[in-house]
Amino acid sequence: EYVYVGGLGVGAYSVPGTSNNSNNP
């Protein structure tokens, strides 16, 4: 999910209030 790497944003935003703790939530 969206993180900072070397000063750049990398990845997709997680939707607040939804489960993202597995490969198929």
PDBML (XML) file of the C-alpha atoms, coordinates in Angstrom:
<?xml version="1.0" encoding="UTF-8" ?>
<PDBx:datablock datablockName="MODEL"
   xmlns:PDBx="http://pdbml.pdb.org/schema/pdbx-v50.xsd"
   xmlns:xsi="http://www.w3.org/2001/XMLSchema-instance"
   xsi:schemaLocation="http://pdbml.pdb.org/schema/pdbx-v50.xsd pdbx-v50.xsd">
   <PDBx:atom_siteCategory>
      <PDBx:atom_site id="1">
         <PDBx:B_iso_or_equiv>0.00</PDBx:B_iso_or_equiv>
         <PDBx:Cartn_x>0.000</PDBx:Cartn_x>
         <PDBx:Cartn_y>0.000</PDBx:Cartn_y>
         <PDBx:Cartn_z>0.000</PDBx:Cartn_z>
         <PDBx:auth_asym_id>A</PDBx:auth_asym_id>
         <PDBx:auth_atom_id>CA</PDBx:auth_atom_id>
         <PDBx:auth_comp_id>GLU</PDBx:auth_comp_id>
         <PDBx:auth_seq_id>1</PDBx:auth_seq_id>
         <PDBx:group_PDB>ATOM</PDBx:group_PDB>
         <PDBx:label_alt_id xsi:nil="true" />
         <PDBx:label_asym_id>A</PDBx:label_asym_id>
         <PDBx:label_atom_id>CA</PDBx:label_atom_id>
         <PDBx:label_comp_id>GLU</PDBx:label_comp_id>
         <PDBx:label_entity_id>1</PDBx:label_entity_id>
         <PDBx:label_seq_id>1</PDBx:label_seq_id>
         <PDBx:occupancy>1.00</PDBx:occupancy>
         <PDBx:pdbx_PDB_model_num>1</PDBx:pdbx_PDB_model_num>
         <PDBx:type_symbol>C</PDBx:type_symbol>
      </PDBx:atom_site>
      <PDBx:atom_site id="2">
         <PDBx:B_iso_or_equiv>0.00</PDBx:B_iso_or_equiv>
         <PDBx:Cartn_x>0.998</PDBx:Cartn_x>
         <PDBx:Cartn_y>3.642</PDBx:Cartn_y>
         <PDBx:Cartn_z>-0.277</PDBx:Cartn_z>
         <PDBx:auth_asym_id>A</PDBx:auth_asym_id>
         <PDBx:auth_atom_id>CA</PDBx:auth_atom_id>
         <PDBx:auth_comp_id>TYR</PDBx:auth_comp_id>
         <PDBx:auth_seq_id>2</PDBx:auth_seq_id>
         <PDBx:group_PDB>ATOM</PDBx:group_PDB>
         <PDBx:label_alt_id xsi:nil="true" />
         <PDBx:label_asym_id>A</PDBx:label_asym_id>
         <PDBx:label_atom_id>CA</PDBx:label_atom_id>
         <PDBx:label_comp_id>TYR</PDBx:label_comp_id>
         <PDBx:label_entity_id>1</PDBx:label_entity_id>
         <PDBx:label_seq_id>2</PDBx:label_seq_id>
         <PDBx:occupancy>1.00</PDBx:occupancy>
         <PDBx:pdbx_PDB_model_num>1</PDBx:pdbx_PDB_model_num>
         <PDBx:type_symbol>C</PDBx:type_symbol>
      </PDBx:atom_site>
      <PDBx:atom_site id="3">
         <PDBx:B_iso_or_equiv>0.00</PDBx:B_iso_or_equiv>
         <PDBx:Cartn_x>4.353</PDBx:Cartn_x>
         <PDBx:Cartn_y>4.309</PDBx:Cartn_y>
         <PDBx:Cartn_z>1.419</PDBx:Cartn_z>
         <PDBx:auth_asym_id>A</PDBx:auth_asym_id>
         <PDBx:auth_atom_id>CA</PDBx:auth_atom_id>
         <PDBx:auth_comp_id>VAL</PDBx:auth_comp_id>
         <PDBx:auth_seq_id>3</PDBx:auth_seq_id>
         <PDBx:group_PDB>ATOM</PDBx:group_PDB>
         <PDBx:label_alt_id xsi:nil="true" />
         <PDBx:label_asym_id>A</PDBx:label_asym_id>
         <PDBx:label_atom_id>CA</PDBx:label_atom_id>
         <PDBx:label_comp_id>VAL</PDBx:label_comp_id>
         <PDBx:label_entity_id>1</PDBx:label_entity_id>
         <PDBx:label_seq_id>3</PDBx:label_seq_id>
         <PDBx:occupancy>1.00</PDBx:occupancy>
         <PDBx:pdbx_PDB_model_num>1</PDBx:pdbx_PDB_model_num>
         <PDBx:type_symbol>C</PDBx:type_symbol>
      </PDBx:atom_site>
      <PDBx:atom_site id="4">
         <PDBx:B_iso_or_equiv>0.00</PDBx:B_iso_or_equiv>
         <PDBx:Cartn_x>7.259</PDBx:Cartn_x>
         <PDBx:Cartn_y>6.732</PDBx:Cartn_y>
         <PDBx:Cartn_z>1.072</PDBx:Cartn_z>
         <PDBx:auth_asym_id>A</PDBx:auth_asym_id>
         <PDBx:auth_atom_id>CA</PDBx:auth_atom_id>
         <PDBx:auth_comp_id>TYR</PDBx:auth_comp_id>
         <PDBx:auth_seq_id>4</PDBx:auth_seq_id>
         <PDBx:group_PDB>ATOM</PDBx:group_PDB>
         <PDBx:label_alt_id xsi:nil="true" />
         <PDBx:label_asym_id>A</PDBx:label_asym_id>
         <PDBx:label_atom_id>CA</PDBx:label_atom_id>
         <PDBx:label_comp_id>TYR</PDBx:label_comp_id>
         <PDBx:label_entity_id>1</PDBx:label_entity_id>
         <PDBx:label_seq_id>4</PDBx:label_seq_id>
         <PDBx:occupancy>1.00</PDBx:occupancy>
         <PDBx:pdbx_PDB_model_num>1</PDBx:pdbx_PDB_model_num>
         <PDBx:type_symbol>C</PDBx:type_symbol>
      </PDBx:atom_site>
      <PDBx:atom_site id="5">
         <PDBx:B_iso_or_equiv>0.00</PDBx:B_iso_or_equiv>
         <PDBx:Cartn_x>10.389</PDBx:Cartn_x>
         <PDBx:Cartn_y>5.305</PDBx:Cartn_y>
         <PDBx:Cartn_z>-0.537</PDBx:Cartn_z>
         <PDBx:auth_asym_id>A</PDBx:auth_asym_id>
         <PDBx:auth_atom_id>CA</PDBx:auth_atom_id>
         <PDBx:auth_comp_id>VAL</PDBx:auth_comp_id>
         <PDBx:auth_seq_id>5</PDBx:auth_seq_id>
         <PDBx:group_PDB>ATOM</PDBx:group_PDB>
         <PDBx:label_alt_id xsi:nil="true" />
         <PDBx:label_asym_id>A</PDBx:label_asym_id>
         <PDBx:label_atom_id>CA</PDBx:label_atom_id>
         <PDBx:label_comp_id>VAL</PDBx:label_comp_id>
         <PDBx:label_entity_id>1</PDBx:label_entity_id>
         <PDBx:label_seq_id>5</PDBx:label_seq_id>
         <PDBx:occupancy>1.00</PDBx:occupancy>
         <PDBx:pdbx_PDB_model_num>1</PDBx:pdbx_PDB_model_num>
         <PDBx:type_symbol>C</PDBx:type_symbol>
      </PDBx:atom_site>
      <PDBx:atom_site id="6">
         <PDBx:B_iso_or_equiv>0.00</PDBx:B_iso_or_equiv>
         <PDBx:Cartn_x>13.351</PDBx:Cartn_x>
         <PDBx:Cartn_y>7.583</PDBx:Cartn_y>
         <PDBx:Cartn_z>-1.160</PDBx:Cartn_z>
         <PDBx:auth_asym_id>A</PDBx:auth_asym_id>
         <PDBx:auth_atom_id>CA</PDBx:auth_atom_id>
         <PDBx:auth_comp_id>GLY</PDBx:auth_comp_id>
         <PDBx:auth_seq_id>6</PDBx:auth_seq_id>
         <PDBx:group_PDB>ATOM</PDBx:group_PDB>
         <PDBx:label_alt_id xsi:nil="true" />
         <PDBx:label_asym_id>A</PDBx:label_asym_id>
         <PDBx:label_atom_id>CA</PDBx:label_atom_id>
         <PDBx:label_comp_id>GLY</PDBx:label_comp_id>
         <PDBx:label_entity_id>1</PDBx:label_entity_id>
         <PDBx:label_seq_id>6</PDBx:label_seq_id>
         <PDBx:occupancy>1.00</PDBx:occupancy>
         <PDBx:pdbx_PDB_model_num>1</PDBx:pdbx_PDB_model_num>
         <PDBx:type_symbol>C</PDBx:type_symbol>
      </PDBx:atom_site>
      <PDBx:atom_site id="7">
         <PDBx:B_iso_or_equiv>0.00</PDBx:B_iso_or_equiv>
         <PDBx:Cartn_x>11.172</PDBx:Cartn_x>
         <PDBx:Cartn_y>10.669</PDBx:Cartn_y>
         <PDBx:Cartn_z>-0.873</PDBx:Cartn_z>
         <PDBx:auth_asym_id>A</PDBx:auth_asym_id>
         <PDBx:auth_atom_id>CA</PDBx:auth_atom_id>
         <PDBx:auth_comp_id>GLY</PDBx:auth_comp_id>
         <PDBx:auth_seq_id>7</PDBx:auth_seq_id>
         <PDBx:group_PDB>ATOM</PDBx:group_PDB>
         <PDBx:label_alt_id xsi:nil="true" />
         <PDBx:label_asym_id>A</PDBx:label_asym_id>
         <PDBx:label_atom_id>CA</PDBx:label_atom_id>
         <PDBx:label_comp_id>GLY</PDBx:label_comp_id>
         <PDBx:label_entity_id>1</PDBx:label_entity_id>
         <PDBx:label_seq_id>7</PDBx:label_seq_id>
         <PDBx:occupancy>1.00</PDBx:occupancy>
         <PDBx:pdbx_PDB_model_num>1</PDBx:pdbx_PDB_model_num>
         <PDBx:type_symbol>C</PDBx:type_symbol>
      </PDBx:atom_site>
      <PDBx:atom_site id="8">
         <PDBx:B_iso_or_equiv>0.00</PDBx:B_iso_or_equiv>
         <PDBx:Cartn_x>8.625</PDBx:Cartn_x>
         <PDBx:Cartn_y>9.395</PDBx:Cartn_y>
         <PDBx:Cartn_z>-3.412</PDBx:Cartn_z>
         <PDBx:auth_asym_id>A</PDBx:auth_asym_id>
         <PDBx:auth_atom_id>CA</PDBx:auth_atom_id>
         <PDBx:auth_comp_id>LEU</PDBx:auth_comp_id>
         <PDBx:auth_seq_id>8</PDBx:auth_seq_id>
         <PDBx:group_PDB>ATOM</PDBx:group_PDB>
         <PDBx:label_alt_id xsi:nil="true" />
         <PDBx:label_asym_id>A</PDBx:label_asym_id>
         <PDBx:label_atom_id>CA</PDBx:label_atom_id>
         <PDBx:label_comp_id>LEU</PDBx:label_comp_id>
         <PDBx:label_entity_id>1</PDBx:label_entity_id>
         <PDBx:label_seq_id>8</PDBx:label_seq_id>
         <PDBx:occupancy>1.00</PDBx:occupancy>
         <PDBx:pdbx_PDB_model_num>1</PDBx:pdbx_PDB_model_num>
         <PDBx:type_symbol>C</PDBx:type_symbol>
      </PDBx:atom_site>
      <PDBx:atom_site id="9">
         <PDBx:B_iso_or_equiv>0.00</PDBx:B_iso_or_equiv>
         <PDBx:Cartn_x>5.201</PDBx:Cartn_x>
         <PDBx:Cartn_y>7.954</PDBx:Cartn_y>
         <PDBx:Cartn_z>-2.809</PDBx:Cartn_z>
         <PDBx:auth_asym_id>A</PDBx:auth_asym_id>
         <PDBx:auth_atom_id>CA</PDBx:auth_atom_id>
         <PDBx:auth_comp_id>GLY</PDBx:auth_comp_id>
         <PDBx:auth_seq_id>9</PDBx:auth_seq_id>
         <PDBx:group_PDB>ATOM</PDBx:group_PDB>
         <PDBx:label_alt_id xsi:nil="true" />
         <PDBx:label_asym_id>A</PDBx:label_asym_id>
         <PDBx:label_atom_id>CA</PDBx:label_atom_id>
         <PDBx:label_comp_id>GLY</PDBx:label_comp_id>
         <PDBx:label_entity_id>1</PDBx:label_entity_id>
         <PDBx:label_seq_id>9</PDBx:label_seq_id>
         <PDBx:occupancy>1.00</PDBx:occupancy>
         <PDBx:pdbx_PDB_model_num>1</PDBx:pdbx_PDB_model_num>
         <PDBx:type_symbol>C</PDBx:type_symbol>
      </PDBx:atom_site>
      <PDBx:atom_site id="10">
         <PDBx:B_iso_or_equiv>0.00</PDBx:B_iso_or_equiv>
         <PDBx:Cartn_x>4.906</PDBx:Cartn_x>
         <PDBx:Cartn_y>4.336</PDBx:Cartn_y>
         <PDBx:Cartn_z>-3.895</PDBx:Cartn_z>
         <PDBx:auth_asym_id>A</PDBx:auth_asym_id>
         <PDBx:auth_atom_id>CA</PDBx:auth_atom_id>
         <PDBx:auth_comp_id>VAL</PDBx:auth_comp_id>
         <PDBx:auth_seq_id>10</PDBx:auth_seq_id>
         <PDBx:group_PDB>ATOM</PDBx:group_PDB>
         <PDBx:label_alt_id xsi:nil="true" />
         <PDBx:label_asym_id>A</PDBx:label_asym_id>
         <PDBx:label_atom_id>CA</PDBx:label_atom_id>
         <PDBx:label_comp_id>VAL</PDBx:label_comp_id>
         <PDBx:label_entity_id>1</PDBx:label_entity_id>
         <PDBx:label_seq_id>10</PDBx:label_seq_id>
         <PDBx:occupancy>1.00</PDBx:occupancy>
         <PDBx:pdbx_PDB_model_num>1</PDBx:pdbx_PDB_model_num>
         <PDBx:type_symbol>C</PDBx:type_symbol>
      </PDBx:atom_site>
      <PDBx:atom_site id="11">
         <PDBx:B_iso_or_equiv>0.00</PDBx:B_iso_or_equiv>
         <PDBx:Cartn_x>1.861</PDBx:Cartn_x>
         <PDBx:Cartn_y>2.094</PDBx:Cartn_y>
         <PDBx:Cartn_z>-4.078</PDBx:Cartn_z>
         <PDBx:auth_asym_id>A</PDBx:auth_asym_id>
         <PDBx:auth_atom_id>CA</PDBx:auth_atom_id>
         <PDBx:auth_comp_id>GLY</PDBx:auth_comp_id>
         <PDBx:auth_seq_id>11</PDBx:auth_seq_id>
         <PDBx:group_PDB>ATOM</PDBx:group_PDB>
         <PDBx:label_alt_id xsi:nil="true" />
         <PDBx:label_asym_id>A</PDBx:label_asym_id>
         <PDBx:label_atom_id>CA</PDBx:label_atom_id>
         <PDBx:label_comp_id>GLY</PDBx:label_comp_id>
         <PDBx:label_entity_id>1</PDBx:label_entity_id>
         <PDBx:label_seq_id>11</PDBx:label_seq_id>
         <PDBx:occupancy>1.00</PDBx:occupancy>
         <PDBx:pdbx_PDB_model_num>1</PDBx:pdbx_PDB_model_num>
         <PDBx:type_symbol>C</PDBx:type_symbol>
      </PDBx:atom_site>
      <PDBx:atom_site id="12">
         <PDBx:B_iso_or_equiv>0.00</PDBx:B_iso_or_equiv>
         <PDBx:Cartn_x>-1.911</PDBx:Cartn_x>
         <PDBx:Cartn_y>2.390</PDBx:Cartn_y>
         <PDBx:Cartn_z>-3.952</PDBx:Cartn_z>
         <PDBx:auth_asym_id>A</PDBx:auth_asym_id>
         <PDBx:auth_atom_id>CA</PDBx:auth_atom_id>
         <PDBx:auth_comp_id>ALA</PDBx:auth_comp_id>
         <PDBx:auth_seq_id>12</PDBx:auth_seq_id>
         <PDBx:group_PDB>ATOM</PDBx:group_PDB>
         <PDBx:label_alt_id xsi:nil="true" />
         <PDBx:label_asym_id>A</PDBx:label_asym_id>
         <PDBx:label_atom_id>CA</PDBx:label_atom_id>
         <PDBx:label_comp_id>ALA</PDBx:label_comp_id>
         <PDBx:label_entity_id>1</PDBx:label_entity_id>
         <PDBx:label_seq_id>12</PDBx:label_seq_id>
         <PDBx:occupancy>1.00</PDBx:occupancy>
         <PDBx:pdbx_PDB_model_num>1</PDBx:pdbx_PDB_model_num>
         <PDBx:type_symbol>C</PDBx:type_symbol>
      </PDBx:atom_site>
      <PDBx:atom_site id="13">
         <PDBx:B_iso_or_equiv>0.00</PDBx:B_iso_or_equiv>
         <PDBx:Cartn_x>-3.956</PDBx:Cartn_x>
         <PDBx:Cartn_y>3.997</PDBx:Cartn_y>
         <PDBx:Cartn_z>-1.209</PDBx:Cartn_z>
         <PDBx:auth_asym_id>A</PDBx:auth_asym_id>
         <PDBx:auth_atom_id>CA</PDBx:auth_atom_id>
         <PDBx:auth_comp_id>TYR</PDBx:auth_comp_id>
         <PDBx:auth_seq_id>13</PDBx:auth_seq_id>
         <PDBx:group_PDB>ATOM</PDBx:group_PDB>
         <PDBx:label_alt_id xsi:nil="true" />
         <PDBx:label_asym_id>A</PDBx:label_asym_id>
         <PDBx:label_atom_id>CA</PDBx:label_atom_id>
         <PDBx:label_comp_id>TYR</PDBx:label_comp_id>
         <PDBx:label_entity_id>1</PDBx:label_entity_id>
         <PDBx:label_seq_id>13</PDBx:label_seq_id>
         <PDBx:occupancy>1.00</PDBx:occupancy>
         <PDBx:pdbx_PDB_model_num>1</PDBx:pdbx_PDB_model_num>
         <PDBx:type_symbol>C</PDBx:type_symbol>
      </PDBx:atom_site>
      <PDBx:atom_site id="14">
         <PDBx:B_iso_or_equiv>0.00</PDBx:B_iso_or_equiv>
         <PDBx:Cartn_x>-5.951</PDBx:Cartn_x>
         <PDBx:Cartn_y>1.668</PDBx:Cartn_y>
         <PDBx:Cartn_z>0.989</PDBx:Cartn_z>
         <PDBx:auth_asym_id>A</PDBx:auth_asym_id>
         <PDBx:auth_atom_id>CA</PDBx:auth_atom_id>
         <PDBx:auth_comp_id>SER</PDBx:auth_comp_id>
         <PDBx:auth_seq_id>14</PDBx:auth_seq_id>
         <PDBx:group_PDB>ATOM</PDBx:group_PDB>
         <PDBx:label_alt_id xsi:nil="true" />
         <PDBx:label_asym_id>A</PDBx:label_asym_id>
         <PDBx:label_atom_id>CA</PDBx:label_atom_id>
         <PDBx:label_comp_id>SER</PDBx:label_comp_id>
         <PDBx:label_entity_id>1</PDBx:label_entity_id>
         <PDBx:label_seq_id>14</PDBx:label_seq_id>
         <PDBx:occupancy>1.00</PDBx:occupancy>
         <PDBx:pdbx_PDB_model_num>1</PDBx:pdbx_PDB_model_num>
         <PDBx:type_symbol>C</PDBx:type_symbol>
      </PDBx:atom_site>
      <PDBx:atom_site id="15">
         <PDBx:B_iso_or_equiv>0.00</PDBx:B_iso_or_equiv>
         <PDBx:Cartn_x>-9.600</PDBx:Cartn_x>
         <PDBx:Cartn_y>2.616</PDBx:Cartn_y>
         <PDBx:Cartn_z>1.302</PDBx:Cartn_z>
         <PDBx:auth_asym_id>A</PDBx:auth_asym_id>
         <PDBx:auth_atom_id>CA</PDBx:auth_atom_id>
         <PDBx:auth_comp_id>VAL</PDBx:auth_comp_id>
         <PDBx:auth_seq_id>15</PDBx:auth_seq_id>
         <PDBx:group_PDB>ATOM</PDBx:group_PDB>
         <PDBx:label_alt_id xsi:nil="true" />
         <PDBx:label_asym_id>A</PDBx:label_asym_id>
         <PDBx:label_atom_id>CA</PDBx:label_atom_id>
         <PDBx:label_comp_id>VAL</PDBx:label_comp_id>
         <PDBx:label_entity_id>1</PDBx:label_entity_id>
         <PDBx:label_seq_id>15</PDBx:label_seq_id>
         <PDBx:occupancy>1.00</PDBx:occupancy>
         <PDBx:pdbx_PDB_model_num>1</PDBx:pdbx_PDB_model_num>
         <PDBx:type_symbol>C</PDBx:type_symbol>
      </PDBx:atom_site>
      <PDBx:atom_site id="16">
         <PDBx:B_iso_or_equiv>0.00</PDBx:B_iso_or_equiv>
         <PDBx:Cartn_x>-10.290</PDBx:Cartn_x>
         <PDBx:Cartn_y>3.679</PDBx:Cartn_y>
         <PDBx:Cartn_z>4.910</PDBx:Cartn_z>
         <PDBx:auth_asym_id>A</PDBx:auth_asym_id>
         <PDBx:auth_atom_id>CA</PDBx:auth_atom_id>
         <PDBx:auth_comp_id>PRO</PDBx:auth_comp_id>
         <PDBx:auth_seq_id>16</PDBx:auth_seq_id>
         <PDBx:group_PDB>ATOM</PDBx:group_PDB>
         <PDBx:label_alt_id xsi:nil="true" />
         <PDBx:label_asym_id>A</PDBx:label_asym_id>
         <PDBx:label_atom_id>CA</PDBx:label_atom_id>
         <PDBx:label_comp_id>PRO</PDBx:label_comp_id>
         <PDBx:label_entity_id>1</PDBx:label_entity_id>
         <PDBx:label_seq_id>16</PDBx:label_seq_id>
         <PDBx:occupancy>1.00</PDBx:occupancy>
         <PDBx:pdbx_PDB_model_num>1</PDBx:pdbx_PDB_model_num>
         <PDBx:type_symbol>C</PDBx:type_symbol>
      </PDBx:atom_site>
      <PDBx:atom_site id="17">
         <PDBx:B_iso_or_equiv>0.00</PDBx:B_iso_or_equiv>
         <PDBx:Cartn_x>-12.640</PDBx:Cartn_x>
         <PDBx:Cartn_y>1.432</PDBx:Cartn_y>
         <PDBx:Cartn_z>6.805</PDBx:Cartn_z>
         <PDBx:auth_asym_id>A</PDBx:auth_asym_id>
         <PDBx:auth_atom_id>CA</PDBx:auth_atom_id>
         <PDBx:auth_comp_id>GLY</PDBx:auth_comp_id>
         <PDBx:auth_seq_id>17</PDBx:auth_seq_id>
         <PDBx:group_PDB>ATOM</PDBx:group_PDB>
         <PDBx:label_alt_id xsi:nil="true" />
         <PDBx:label_asym_id>A</PDBx:label_asym_id>
         <PDBx:label_atom_id>CA</PDBx:label_atom_id>
         <PDBx:label_comp_id>GLY</PDBx:label_comp_id>
         <PDBx:label_entity_id>1</PDBx:label_entity_id>
         <PDBx:label_seq_id>17</PDBx:label_seq_id>
         <PDBx:occupancy>1.00</PDBx:occupancy>
         <PDBx:pdbx_PDB_model_num>1</PDBx:pdbx_PDB_model_num>
         <PDBx:type_symbol>C</PDBx:type_symbol>
      </PDBx:atom_site>
      <PDBx:atom_site id="18">
         <PDBx:B_iso_or_equiv>0.00</PDBx:B_iso_or_equiv>
         <PDBx:Cartn_x>-12.045</PDBx:Cartn_x>
         <PDBx:Cartn_y>-1.626</PDBx:Cartn_y>
         <PDBx:Cartn_z>4.630</PDBx:Cartn_z>
         <PDBx:auth_asym_id>A</PDBx:auth_asym_id>
         <PDBx:auth_atom_id>CA</PDBx:auth_atom_id>
         <PDBx:auth_comp_id>THR</PDBx:auth_comp_id>
         <PDBx:auth_seq_id>18</PDBx:auth_seq_id>
         <PDBx:group_PDB>ATOM</PDBx:group_PDB>
         <PDBx:label_alt_id xsi:nil="true" />
         <PDBx:label_asym_id>A</PDBx:label_asym_id>
         <PDBx:label_atom_id>CA</PDBx:label_atom_id>
         <PDBx:label_comp_id>THR</PDBx:label_comp_id>
         <PDBx:label_entity_id>1</PDBx:label_entity_id>
         <PDBx:label_seq_id>18</PDBx:label_seq_id>
         <PDBx:occupancy>1.00</PDBx:occupancy>
         <PDBx:pdbx_PDB_model_num>1</PDBx:pdbx_PDB_model_num>
         <PDBx:type_symbol>C</PDBx:type_symbol>
      </PDBx:atom_site>
      <PDBx:atom_site id="19">
         <PDBx:B_iso_or_equiv>0.00</PDBx:B_iso_or_equiv>
         <PDBx:Cartn_x>-10.051</PDBx:Cartn_x>
         <PDBx:Cartn_y>-4.779</PDBx:Cartn_y>
         <PDBx:Cartn_z>5.328</PDBx:Cartn_z>
         <PDBx:auth_asym_id>A</PDBx:auth_asym_id>
         <PDBx:auth_atom_id>CA</PDBx:auth_atom_id>
         <PDBx:auth_comp_id>SER</PDBx:auth_comp_id>
         <PDBx:auth_seq_id>19</PDBx:auth_seq_id>
         <PDBx:group_PDB>ATOM</PDBx:group_PDB>
         <PDBx:label_alt_id xsi:nil="true" />
         <PDBx:label_asym_id>A</PDBx:label_asym_id>
         <PDBx:label_atom_id>CA</PDBx:label_atom_id>
         <PDBx:label_comp_id>SER</PDBx:label_comp_id>
         <PDBx:label_entity_id>1</PDBx:label_entity_id>
         <PDBx:label_seq_id>19</PDBx:label_seq_id>
         <PDBx:occupancy>1.00</PDBx:occupancy>
         <PDBx:pdbx_PDB_model_num>1</PDBx:pdbx_PDB_model_num>
         <PDBx:type_symbol>C</PDBx:type_symbol>
      </PDBx:atom_site>
      <PDBx:atom_site id="20">
         <PDBx:B_iso_or_equiv>0.00</PDBx:B_iso_or_equiv>
         <PDBx:Cartn_x>-6.646</PDBx:Cartn_x>
         <PDBx:Cartn_y>-5.060</PDBx:Cartn_y>
         <PDBx:Cartn_z>3.679</PDBx:Cartn_z>
         <PDBx:auth_asym_id>A</PDBx:auth_asym_id>
         <PDBx:auth_atom_id>CA</PDBx:auth_atom_id>
         <PDBx:auth_comp_id>ASN</PDBx:auth_comp_id>
         <PDBx:auth_seq_id>20</PDBx:auth_seq_id>
         <PDBx:group_PDB>ATOM</PDBx:group_PDB>
         <PDBx:label_alt_id xsi:nil="true" />
         <PDBx:label_asym_id>A</PDBx:label_asym_id>
         <PDBx:label_atom_id>CA</PDBx:label_atom_id>
         <PDBx:label_comp_id>ASN</PDBx:label_comp_id>
         <PDBx:label_entity_id>1</PDBx:label_entity_id>
         <PDBx:label_seq_id>20</PDBx:label_seq_id>
         <PDBx:occupancy>1.00</PDBx:occupancy>
         <PDBx:pdbx_PDB_model_num>1</PDBx:pdbx_PDB_model_num>
         <PDBx:type_symbol>C</PDBx:type_symbol>
      </PDBx:atom_site>
      <PDBx:atom_site id="21">
         <PDBx:B_iso_or_equiv>0.00</PDBx:B_iso_or_equiv>
         <PDBx:Cartn_x>-5.079</PDBx:Cartn_x>
         <PDBx:Cartn_y>-7.750</PDBx:Cartn_y>
         <PDBx:Cartn_z>5.818</PDBx:Cartn_z>
         <PDBx:auth_asym_id>A</PDBx:auth_asym_id>
         <PDBx:auth_atom_id>CA</PDBx:auth_atom_id>
         <PDBx:auth_comp_id>ASN</PDBx:auth_comp_id>
         <PDBx:auth_seq_id>21</PDBx:auth_seq_id>
         <PDBx:group_PDB>ATOM</PDBx:group_PDB>
         <PDBx:label_alt_id xsi:nil="true" />
         <PDBx:label_asym_id>A</PDBx:label_asym_id>
         <PDBx:label_atom_id>CA</PDBx:label_atom_id>
         <PDBx:label_comp_id>ASN</PDBx:label_comp_id>
         <PDBx:label_entity_id>1</PDBx:label_entity_id>
         <PDBx:label_seq_id>21</PDBx:label_seq_id>
         <PDBx:occupancy>1.00</PDBx:occupancy>
         <PDBx:pdbx_PDB_model_num>1</PDBx:pdbx_PDB_model_num>
         <PDBx:type_symbol>C</PDBx:type_symbol>
      </PDBx:atom_site>
      <PDBx:atom_site id="22">
         <PDBx:B_iso_or_equiv>0.00</PDBx:B_iso_or_equiv>
         <PDBx:Cartn_x>-5.113</PDBx:Cartn_x>
         <PDBx:Cartn_y>-10.520</PDBx:Cartn_y>
         <PDBx:Cartn_z>3.227</PDBx:Cartn_z>
         <PDBx:auth_asym_id>A</PDBx:auth_asym_id>
         <PDBx:auth_atom_id>CA</PDBx:auth_atom_id>
         <PDBx:auth_comp_id>SER</PDBx:auth_comp_id>
         <PDBx:auth_seq_id>22</PDBx:auth_seq_id>
         <PDBx:group_PDB>ATOM</PDBx:group_PDB>
         <PDBx:label_alt_id xsi:nil="true" />
         <PDBx:label_asym_id>A</PDBx:label_asym_id>
         <PDBx:label_atom_id>CA</PDBx:label_atom_id>
         <PDBx:label_comp_id>SER</PDBx:label_comp_id>
         <PDBx:label_entity_id>1</PDBx:label_entity_id>
         <PDBx:label_seq_id>22</PDBx:label_seq_id>
         <PDBx:occupancy>1.00</PDBx:occupancy>
         <PDBx:pdbx_PDB_model_num>1</PDBx:pdbx_PDB_model_num>
         <PDBx:type_symbol>C</PDBx:type_symbol>
      </PDBx:atom_site>
      <PDBx:atom_site id="23">
         <PDBx:B_iso_or_equiv>0.00</PDBx:B_iso_or_equiv>
         <PDBx:Cartn_x>-4.564</PDBx:Cartn_x>
         <PDBx:Cartn_y>-11.069</PDBx:Cartn_y>
         <PDBx:Cartn_z>-0.474</PDBx:Cartn_z>
         <PDBx:auth_asym_id>A</PDBx:auth_asym_id>
         <PDBx:auth_atom_id>CA</PDBx:auth_atom_id>
         <PDBx:auth_comp_id>ASN</PDBx:auth_comp_id>
         <PDBx:auth_seq_id>23</PDBx:auth_seq_id>
         <PDBx:group_PDB>ATOM</PDBx:group_PDB>
         <PDBx:label_alt_id xsi:nil="true" />
         <PDBx:label_asym_id>A</PDBx:label_asym_id>
         <PDBx:label_atom_id>CA</PDBx:label_atom_id>
         <PDBx:label_comp_id>ASN</PDBx:label_comp_id>
         <PDBx:label_entity_id>1</PDBx:label_entity_id>
         <PDBx:label_seq_id>23</PDBx:label_seq_id>
         <PDBx:occupancy>1.00</PDBx:occupancy>
         <PDBx:pdbx_PDB_model_num>1</PDBx:pdbx_PDB_model_num>
         <PDBx:type_symbol>C</PDBx:type_symbol>
      </PDBx:atom_site>
      <PDBx:atom_site id="24">
         <PDBx:B_iso_or_equiv>0.00</PDBx:B_iso_or_equiv>
         <PDBx:Cartn_x>-8.311</PDBx:Cartn_x>
         <PDBx:Cartn_y>-11.287</PDBx:Cartn_y>
         <PDBx:Cartn_z>-1.051</PDBx:Cartn_z>
         <PDBx:auth_asym_id>A</PDBx:auth_asym_id>
         <PDBx:auth_atom_id>CA</PDBx:auth_atom_id>
         <PDBx:auth_comp_id>ASN</PDBx:auth_comp_id>
         <PDBx:auth_seq_id>24</PDBx:auth_seq_id>
         <PDBx:group_PDB>ATOM</PDBx:group_PDB>
         <PDBx:label_alt_id xsi:nil="true" />
         <PDBx:label_asym_id>A</PDBx:label_asym_id>
         <PDBx:label_atom_id>CA</PDBx:label_atom_id>
         <PDBx:label_comp_id>ASN</PDBx:label_comp_id>
         <PDBx:label_entity_id>1</PDBx:label_entity_id>
         <PDBx:label_seq_id>24</PDBx:label_seq_id>
         <PDBx:occupancy>1.00</PDBx:occupancy>
         <PDBx:pdbx_PDB_model_num>1</PDBx:pdbx_PDB_model_num>
         <PDBx:type_symbol>C</PDBx:type_symbol>
      </PDBx:atom_site>
      <PDBx:atom_site id="25">
         <PDBx:B_iso_or_equiv>0.00</PDBx:B_iso_or_equiv>
         <PDBx:Cartn_x>-10.015</PDBx:Cartn_x>
         <PDBx:Cartn_y>-9.176</PDBx:Cartn_y>
         <PDBx:Cartn_z>1.623</PDBx:Cartn_z>
         <PDBx:auth_asym_id>A</PDBx:auth_asym_id>
         <PDBx:auth_atom_id>CA</PDBx:auth_atom_id>
         <PDBx:auth_comp_id>PRO</PDBx:auth_comp_id>
         <PDBx:auth_seq_id>25</PDBx:auth_seq_id>
         <PDBx:group_PDB>ATOM</PDBx:group_PDB>
         <PDBx:label_alt_id xsi:nil="true" />
         <PDBx:label_asym_id>A</PDBx:label_asym_id>
         <PDBx:label_atom_id>CA</PDBx:label_atom_id>
         <PDBx:label_comp_id>PRO</PDBx:label_comp_id>
         <PDBx:label_entity_id>1</PDBx:label_entity_id>
         <PDBx:label_seq_id>25</PDBx:label_seq_id>
         <PDBx:occupancy>1.00</PDBx:occupancy>
         <PDBx:pdbx_PDB_model_num>1</PDBx:pdbx_PDB_model_num>
         <PDBx:type_symbol>C</PDBx:type_symbol>
      </PDBx:atom_site>
   </PDBx:atom_siteCategory>
</PDBx:datablock>
